[in-house]
Amino acid sequence: MAVRYFISLPDPAKARGSDSALSFSAHGAEGFAEQLQDALRTPTLFERWRGQQADPDEVDPALGATDPGASVTGQQDDLHVDLVVSTSLPSEILKQRLRWLAGSGWQLRDVR
């Protein structure tokens, strides 16, 4: 069953992870939504992160879970970006991907 997460990027210019190889590169609501959706649907972001680890083979493969049906929409609202995420992935996986992409530059507003 999919859960809807309402996420805010209060300052989109600062919604960047500490590693530019994993971080958002988007500048608009649609771009942020597309990049997060890709991070949830495909293993690409996880595989980049995994490849950076000292022993990639020791990384728990469950951390690379994907949801091919995940969807993310984005909307610019004044100076911040609102994202609505619908996914069946566990919340910890979603939070992990958001930390890689946005660092601490995101806020969870609601869950339904």
C-alpha atoms as a PDB file:
ATOM      1  CA  MET A   1       0.000   0.000   0.000  1.00  0.00           C
ATOM      2  CA  ALA A   2       1.356   3.397  -0.972  1.00  0.00           C
ATOM      3  CA  VAL A   3       1.786   6.126   1.596  1.00  0.00           C
ATOM      4  CA  ARG A   4       1.704   9.831   0.719  1.00  0.00           C
ATOM      5  CA  TYR A   5       4.421  12.047   2.162  1.00  0.00           C
ATOM      6  CA  PHE A   6       4.222  15.826   2.020  1.00  0.00           C
ATOM      7  CA  ILE A   7       7.724  17.280   1.912  1.00  0.00           C
ATOM      8  CA  SER A   8       8.884  20.879   1.865  1.00  0.00           C
ATOM      9  CA  LEU A   9      12.165  22.284   0.608  1.00  0.00           C
ATOM     10  CA  PRO A  10      12.138  25.617   2.489  1.00  0.00           C
ATOM     11  CA  ASP A  11      15.161  26.968   0.630  1.00  0.00           C
ATOM     12  CA  PRO A  12      15.576  25.037  -2.628  1.00  0.00           C
ATOM     13  CA  ALA A  13      19.019  26.532  -3.272  1.00  0.00           C
ATOM     14  CA  LYS A  14      20.221  24.899  -0.041  1.00  0.00           C
ATOM     15  CA  ALA A  15      18.473  21.558  -0.637  1.00  0.00           C
ATOM     16  CA  ARG A  16      21.710  19.813  -1.481  1.00  0.00           C
ATOM     17  CA  GLY A  17      23.378  16.783   0.041  1.00  0.00           C
ATOM     18  CA  SER A  18      26.952  16.885   1.264  1.00  0.00           C
ATOM     19  CA  ASP A  19      28.187  14.822  -1.710  1.00  0.00           C
ATOM     20  CA  SER A  20      27.623  16.474  -5.085  1.00  0.00           C
ATOM     21  CA  ALA A  21      27.681  13.051  -6.802  1.00  0.00           C
ATOM     22  CA  LEU A  22      24.502  12.118  -4.907  1.00  0.00           C
ATOM     23  CA  SER A  23      22.914  15.523  -4.412  1.00  0.00           C
ATOM     24  CA  PHE A  24      20.016  17.238  -6.152  1.00  0.00           C
ATOM     25  CA  SER A  25      21.151  19.241  -9.169  1.00  0.00           C
ATOM     26  CA  ALA A  26      17.646  20.575  -9.889  1.00  0.00           C
ATOM     27  CA  HIS A  27      16.602  24.202  -9.558  1.00  0.00           C
ATOM     28  CA  GLY A  28      12.832  24.029 -10.028  1.00  0.00           C
ATOM     29  CA  ALA A  29       9.944  22.097  -8.516  1.00  0.00           C
ATOM     30  CA  GLU A  30       9.590  19.774 -11.513  1.00  0.00           C
ATOM     31  CA  GLY A  31      13.298  18.960 -11.501  1.00  0.00           C
ATOM     32  CA  PHE A  32      13.342  18.159  -7.780  1.00  0.00           C
ATOM     33  CA  ALA A  33      10.290  15.915  -8.248  1.00  0.00           C
ATOM     34  CA  GLU A  34      11.857  14.097 -11.211  1.00  0.00           C
ATOM     35  CA  GLN A  35      15.143  13.469  -9.415  1.00  0.00           C
ATOM     36  CA  LEU A  36      13.464  12.189  -6.237  1.00  0.00           C
ATOM     37  CA  GLN A  37      11.101  10.001  -8.258  1.00  0.00           C
ATOM     38  CA  ASP A  38      14.066   8.473 -10.097  1.00  0.00           C
ATOM     39  CA  ALA A  39      15.835   7.852  -6.764  1.00  0.00           C
ATOM     40  CA  LEU A  40      12.793   5.914  -5.534  1.00  0.00           C
ATOM     41  CA  ARG A  41      11.993   4.028  -8.756  1.00  0.00           C
ATOM     42  CA  THR A  42      15.488   2.952  -9.816  1.00  0.00           C
ATOM     43  CA  PRO A  43      18.643   1.730  -8.036  1.00  0.00           C
ATOM     44  CA  THR A  44      20.856   4.358  -9.719  1.00  0.00           C
ATOM     45  CA  LEU A  45      21.338   6.677  -6.716  1.00  0.00           C
ATOM     46  CA  PHE A  46      21.778   3.752  -4.312  1.00  0.00           C
ATOM     47  CA  GLU A  47      24.371   2.146  -6.597  1.00  0.00           C
ATOM     48  CA  ARG A  48      26.336   5.425  -6.770  1.00  0.00           C
ATOM     49  CA  TRP A  49      26.338   5.628  -2.963  1.00  0.00           C
ATOM     50  CA  ARG A  50      27.155   1.933  -2.587  1.00  0.00           C
ATOM     51  CA  GLY A  51      30.119   2.273  -4.941  1.00  0.00           C
ATOM     52  CA  GLN A  52      31.591   4.937  -2.650  1.00  0.00           C
ATOM     53  CA  GLN A  53      31.621   2.656   0.394  1.00  0.00           C
ATOM     54  CA  ALA A  54      34.851   1.053   1.644  1.00  0.00           C
ATOM     55  CA  ASP A  55      33.412  -2.440   1.051  1.00  0.00           C
ATOM     56  CA  PRO A  56      30.450  -2.179  -1.320  1.00  0.00           C
ATOM     57  CA  ASP A  57      29.797  -5.924  -1.097  1.00  0.00           C
ATOM     58  CA  GLU A  58      29.088  -5.576   2.631  1.00  0.00           C
ATOM     59  CA  VAL A  59      26.253  -3.053   2.105  1.00  0.00           C
ATOM     60  CA  ASP A  60      22.855  -4.499   2.989  1.00  0.00           C
ATOM     61  CA  PRO A  61      21.051  -4.932  -0.364  1.00  0.00           C
ATOM     62  CA  ALA A  62      17.733  -4.096   1.361  1.00  0.00           C
ATOM     63  CA  LEU A  63      18.920  -0.475   1.494  1.00  0.00           C
ATOM     64  CA  GLY A  64      18.666  -0.447  -2.295  1.00  0.00           C
ATOM     65  CA  ALA A  65      14.945  -1.242  -2.385  1.00  0.00           C
ATOM     66  CA  THR A  66      13.009   0.471  -5.159  1.00  0.00           C
ATOM     67  CA  ASP A  67       9.374   1.161  -5.933  1.00  0.00           C
ATOM     68  CA  PRO A  68       8.766   1.253  -9.718  1.00  0.00           C
ATOM     69  CA  GLY A  69       5.318   2.738  -9.056  1.00  0.00           C
ATOM     70  CA  ALA A  70       6.544   5.634  -6.890  1.00  0.00           C
ATOM     71  CA  SER A  71       5.380   9.060  -7.982  1.00  0.00           C
ATOM     72  CA  VAL A  72       6.511  12.532  -6.979  1.00  0.00           C
ATOM     73  CA  THR A  73       4.944  15.838  -7.909  1.00  0.00           C
ATOM     74  CA  GLY A  74       6.458  19.225  -7.198  1.00  0.00           C
ATOM     75  CA  GLN A  75       5.040  22.694  -6.902  1.00  0.00           C
ATOM     76  CA  GLN A  76       6.751  26.027  -6.395  1.00  0.00           C
ATOM     77  CA  ASP A  77       5.011  27.926  -3.580  1.00  0.00           C
ATOM     78  CA  ASP A  78       6.436  31.410  -3.130  1.00  0.00           C
ATOM     79  CA  LEU A  79      10.090  30.791  -2.208  1.00  0.00           C
ATOM     80  CA  HIS A  80       9.850  27.114  -1.248  1.00  0.00           C
ATOM     81  CA  VAL A  81       9.096  23.881  -3.085  1.00  0.00           C
ATOM     82  CA  ASP A  82       6.429  21.402  -1.981  1.00  0.00           C
ATOM     83  CA  LEU A  83       6.784  17.759  -2.984  1.00  0.00           C
ATOM     84  CA  VAL A  84       4.105  15.077  -2.693  1.00  0.00           C
ATOM     85  CA  VAL A  85       5.566  11.574  -2.683  1.00  0.00           C
ATOM     86  CA  SER A  86       3.492   8.431  -3.096  1.00  0.00           C
ATOM     87  CA  THR A  87       5.459   5.235  -2.451  1.00  0.00           C
ATOM     88  CA  SER A  88       5.258   1.807  -0.889  1.00  0.00           C
ATOM     89  CA  LEU A  89       8.881   2.030   0.270  1.00  0.00           C
ATOM     90  CA  PRO A  90       9.486   2.160   4.024  1.00  0.00           C
ATOM     91  CA  SER A  91       9.841   5.688   5.398  1.00  0.00           C
ATOM     92  CA  GLU A  92      13.464   5.019   6.378  1.00  0.00           C
ATOM     93  CA  ILE A  93      14.384   4.366   2.734  1.00  0.00           C
ATOM     94  CA  LEU A  94      12.630   7.578   1.653  1.00  0.00           C
ATOM     95  CA  LYS A  95      14.448   9.556   4.365  1.00  0.00           C
ATOM     96  CA  GLN A  96      17.771   7.993   3.362  1.00  0.00           C
ATOM     97  CA  ARG A  97      17.320   9.060  -0.269  1.00  0.00           C
ATOM     98  CA  LEU A  98      16.256  12.563   0.800  1.00  0.00           C
ATOM     99  CA  ARG A  99      19.354  12.922   3.004  1.00  0.00           C
ATOM    100  CA  TRP A 100      21.573  11.975   0.064  1.00  0.00           C
ATOM    101  CA  LEU A 101      19.750  14.315  -2.292  1.00  0.00           C
ATOM    102  CA  ALA A 102      18.933  17.291  -0.053  1.00  0.00           C
ATOM    103  CA  GLY A 103      21.062  16.905   3.075  1.00  0.00           C
ATOM    104  CA  SER A 104      19.153  18.556   5.901  1.00  0.00           C
ATOM    105  CA  GLY A 105      17.399  20.986   3.523  1.00  0.00           C
ATOM    106  CA  TRP A 106      13.999  19.253   3.624  1.00  0.00           C
ATOM    107  CA  GLN A 107      11.091  18.966   6.047  1.00  0.00           C
ATOM    108  CA  LEU A 108       8.452  16.274   6.405  1.00  0.00           C
ATOM    109  CA  ARG A 109       5.127  18.126   6.679  1.00  0.00           C
ATOM    110  CA  ASP A 110       2.556  15.318   6.765  1.00  0.00           C
ATOM    111  CA  VAL A 111       2.017  11.603   6.106  1.00  0.00           C
ATOM    112  CA  ARG A 112      -1.253  10.008   4.916  1.00  0.00           C
END
